[in-house]
C-alpha atoms as a PDB file:
ATOM      1  CA  VAL A   1      15.042  -3.197  -6.961  1.00  0.00           C
ATOM      2  CA  GLN A   2      12.810  -0.161  -7.193  1.00  0.00           C
ATOM      3  CA  LEU A   3       9.310   0.567  -5.924  1.00  0.00           C
ATOM      4  CA  VAL A   4       7.442   3.620  -7.194  1.00  0.00           C
ATOM      5  CA  ALA A   5       4.226   4.513  -5.411  1.00  0.00           C
ATOM      6  CA  SER A   6       1.564   6.790  -6.839  1.00  0.00           C
ATOM      7  CA  GLY A   7      -2.108   7.640  -6.585  1.00  0.00           C
ATOM      8  CA  GLY A   8      -2.279   9.641  -3.393  1.00  0.00           C
ATOM      9  CA  GLY A   9      -4.135  12.896  -3.038  1.00  0.00           C
ATOM     10  CA  LEU A  10      -6.759  14.850  -1.158  1.00  0.00           C
ATOM     11  CA  VAL A  11     -10.133  13.203  -0.692  1.00  0.00           C
ATOM     12  CA  GLN A  12     -13.200  13.917   1.406  1.00  0.00           C
ATOM     13  CA  PRO A  13     -14.271  11.556   4.194  1.00  0.00           C
ATOM     14  CA  GLY A  14     -16.155   8.626   2.719  1.00  0.00           C
ATOM     15  CA  GLY A  15     -14.302   8.885  -0.556  1.00  0.00           C
ATOM     16  CA  SER A  16     -12.024   6.444  -2.325  1.00  0.00           C
ATOM     17  CA  LEU A  17      -8.517   6.342  -3.739  1.00  0.00           C
ATOM     18  CA  ARG A  18      -6.447   3.676  -5.423  1.00  0.00           C
ATOM     19  CA  LEU A  19      -2.735   3.569  -4.796  1.00  0.00           C
ATOM     20  CA  SER A  20      -0.320   1.869  -7.158  1.00  0.00           C
ATOM     21  CA  CYS A  21       3.167   0.507  -6.533  1.00  0.00           C
ATOM     22  CA  ALA A  22       5.127  -0.233  -9.692  1.00  0.00           C
ATOM     23  CA  ALA A  23       8.011  -2.612  -9.062  1.00  0.00           C
ATOM     24  CA  SER A  24      11.135  -3.168 -11.098  1.00  0.00           C
ATOM     25  CA  GLY A  25      14.203  -5.331 -10.698  1.00  0.00           C
ATOM     26  CA  PHE A  26      12.286  -8.365  -9.475  1.00  0.00           C
ATOM     27  CA  SER A  27       8.986 -10.147 -10.017  1.00  0.00           C
ATOM     28  CA  ILE A  28       6.269  -9.330  -7.495  1.00  0.00           C
ATOM     29  CA  SER A  29       4.658 -12.708  -8.141  1.00  0.00           C
ATOM     30  CA  THR A  30       7.334 -14.432  -6.056  1.00  0.00           C
ATOM     31  CA  TYR A  31       7.401 -12.082  -3.074  1.00  0.00           C
ATOM     32  CA  ARG A  32       5.086 -10.919  -0.329  1.00  0.00           C
ATOM     33  CA  MET A  33       4.180  -7.306  -1.056  1.00  0.00           C
ATOM     34  CA  SER A  34       2.946  -4.911   1.603  1.00  0.00           C
ATOM     35  CA  TRP A  35       1.644  -1.419   2.191  1.00  0.00           C
ATOM     36  CA  TYR A  36       2.538   0.586   5.278  1.00  0.00           C
ATOM     37  CA  ARG A  37       1.633   4.102   6.314  1.00  0.00           C
ATOM     38  CA  GLN A  38       3.046   6.780   8.545  1.00  0.00           C
ATOM     39  CA  ALA A  39       1.063   9.673   9.920  1.00  0.00           C
ATOM     40  CA  THR A  40       2.774  12.839  11.112  1.00  0.00           C
ATOM     41  CA  GLY A  41       4.335  12.263  14.511  1.00  0.00           C
ATOM     42  CA  LYS A  42       3.551   8.556  14.547  1.00  0.00           C
ATOM     43  CA  GLU A  43       5.434   5.383  13.801  1.00  0.00           C
ATOM     44  CA  ARG A  44       5.121   3.612  10.502  1.00  0.00           C
ATOM     45  CA  GLU A  45       2.424   0.941  10.689  1.00  0.00           C
ATOM     46  CA  PHE A  46       1.386  -2.069   8.674  1.00  0.00           C
ATOM     47  CA  VAL A  47      -1.693  -1.663   6.481  1.00  0.00           C
ATOM     48  CA  ALA A  48      -2.027  -4.684   4.191  1.00  0.00           C
ATOM     49  CA  ALA A  49      -0.088  -7.463   2.502  1.00  0.00           C
ATOM     50  CA  VAL A  50      -0.535  -9.928  -0.326  1.00  0.00           C
ATOM     51  CA  ARG A  51       1.465 -13.118  -0.312  1.00  0.00           C
ATOM     52  CA  ASN A  52       3.187 -14.777  -3.208  1.00  0.00           C
ATOM     53  CA  GLY A  53       1.891 -18.080  -4.431  1.00  0.00           C
ATOM     54  CA  GLY A  54      -1.801 -18.247  -3.662  1.00  0.00           C
ATOM     55  CA  GLY A  55      -2.027 -14.539  -3.049  1.00  0.00           C
ATOM     56  CA  SER A  56      -3.678 -14.625   0.354  1.00  0.00           C
ATOM     57  CA  THR A  57      -4.111 -11.238   1.974  1.00  0.00           C
ATOM     58  CA  ASN A  58      -4.119  -9.779   5.446  1.00  0.00           C
ATOM     59  CA  TYR A  59      -5.011  -6.378   6.804  1.00  0.00           C
ATOM     60  CA  ALA A  60      -4.630  -4.189   9.822  1.00  0.00           C
ATOM     61  CA  ASP A  61      -7.805  -4.165  11.891  1.00  0.00           C
ATOM     62  CA  SER A  62      -8.180  -0.444  11.294  1.00  0.00           C
ATOM     63  CA  VAL A  63      -8.640  -0.907   7.535  1.00  0.00           C
ATOM     64  CA  LYS A  64     -10.265  -4.323   7.354  1.00  0.00           C
ATOM     65  CA  GLY A  65     -13.443  -4.200   5.283  1.00  0.00           C
ATOM     66  CA  ARG A  66     -12.499  -0.870   3.690  1.00  0.00           C
ATOM     67  CA  PHE A  67      -9.157  -1.476   1.928  1.00  0.00           C
ATOM     68  CA  ILE A  68      -8.316  -4.108  -0.648  1.00  0.00           C
ATOM     69  CA  ILE A  69      -4.796  -5.059  -1.677  1.00  0.00           C
ATOM     70  CA  SER A  70      -4.260  -6.724  -5.033  1.00  0.00           C
ATOM     71  CA  ARG A  71      -1.544  -7.300  -7.565  1.00  0.00           C
ATOM     72  CA  ASP A  72      -1.229  -7.504 -11.326  1.00  0.00           C
ATOM     73  CA  ASN A  73       1.701  -9.781 -12.040  1.00  0.00           C
ATOM     74  CA  ALA A  74       1.694  -8.907 -15.740  1.00  0.00           C
ATOM     75  CA  LYS A  75       2.167  -5.228 -14.891  1.00  0.00           C
ATOM     76  CA  ASN A  76       4.410  -6.029 -11.903  1.00  0.00           C
ATOM     77  CA  THR A  77       2.264  -3.647  -9.882  1.00  0.00           C
ATOM     78  CA  VAL A  78       0.572  -3.833  -6.499  1.00  0.00           C
ATOM     79  CA  TYR A  79      -2.547  -1.832  -5.725  1.00  0.00           C
ATOM     80  CA  LEU A  80      -4.304  -0.624  -2.615  1.00  0.00           C
ATOM     81  CA  GLN A  81      -7.956   0.238  -3.133  1.00  0.00           C
ATOM     82  CA  MET A  82      -9.063   2.433  -0.256  1.00  0.00           C
ATOM     83  CA  ASN A  83     -12.781   2.943   0.283  1.00  0.00           C
ATOM     84  CA  ASN A  84     -14.792   4.799   2.891  1.00  0.00           C
ATOM     85  CA  LEU A  85     -11.755   6.828   3.828  1.00  0.00           C
ATOM     86  CA  LYS A  86     -11.599   8.469   7.224  1.00  0.00           C
ATOM     87  CA  PRO A  87      -9.556  11.421   8.489  1.00  0.00           C
ATOM     88  CA  GLU A  88      -7.464   8.996  10.532  1.00  0.00           C
ATOM     89  CA  ASP A  89      -6.323   7.360   7.283  1.00  0.00           C
ATOM     90  CA  THR A  90      -4.336  10.522   6.522  1.00  0.00           C
ATOM     91  CA  ALA A  91      -0.700   9.485   6.166  1.00  0.00           C
ATOM     92  CA  VAL A  92       2.123   8.868   3.760  1.00  0.00           C
ATOM     93  CA  TYR A  93       1.665   5.406   2.271  1.00  0.00           C
ATOM     94  CA  PHE A  94       4.651   3.230   1.395  1.00  0.00           C
ATOM     95  CA  CYS A  95       4.932  -0.030  -0.467  1.00  0.00           C
ATOM     96  CA  TYR A  96       7.454  -2.528   0.839  1.00  0.00           C
ATOM     97  CA  VAL A  97       9.183  -5.748  -0.064  1.00  0.00           C
ATOM     98  CA  SER A  98      11.822  -7.834   1.647  1.00  0.00           C
ATOM     99  CA  TYR A  99      14.071  -9.060  -1.149  1.00  0.00           C
ATOM    100  CA  PHE A 100      16.920 -11.423  -0.344  1.00  0.00           C
ATOM    101  CA  GLY A 101      16.869 -10.246   3.238  1.00  0.00           C
ATOM    102  CA  ARG A 102      17.009  -6.537   2.435  1.00  0.00           C
ATOM    103  CA  ASN A 103      14.166  -4.122   3.012  1.00  0.00           C
ATOM    104  CA  TYR A 104      13.025  -1.979   0.108  1.00  0.00           C
ATOM    105  CA  TRP A 105      10.570   0.892   0.440  1.00  0.00           C
ATOM    106  CA  GLY A 106       8.856   2.988  -2.151  1.00  0.00           C
ATOM    107  CA  GLN A 107       9.180   6.751  -1.903  1.00  0.00           C
ATOM    108  CA  GLY A 108       5.746   7.177  -0.355  1.00  0.00           C
ATOM    109  CA  THR A 109       2.587   8.859  -1.555  1.00  0.00           C
ATOM    110  CA  GLN A 110       0.590  11.300   0.560  1.00  0.00           C
ATOM    111  CA  VAL A 111      -3.057  10.576   1.312  1.00  0.00           C
ATOM    112  CA  THR A 112      -5.035  13.336   2.984  1.00  0.00           C
ATOM    113  CA  VAL A 113      -8.629  12.782   4.063  1.00  0.00           C
ATOM    114  CA  SER A 114     -10.302  16.055   4.919  1.00  0.00           C
ATOM    115  CA  SER A 115     -13.467  18.009   4.262  1.00  0.00           C
END
């Protein structure tokens, strides 16, 4: 199982970024896929998740209405569209899956929101 995150960068407040998480070794269509983030000096926190099956989603209150998680089963990739970014969104973003009871994390991609 491997998760490779990409798409981070430096963006001004109010801007947008789209993160990607390319998975290999399993099919994302059958697992709940999530994004977490960790800011400097803070604990890692949940951001968003998309379930297998019907694909229902849920979000942290802090990003609700601004971020959208989605998946492309054909590409075995999960996305996080981040709009109206704020300085407090600055963090390293990780994709995550629990696969057969083991936790797998992507390597993280840095998102910096600053003017």
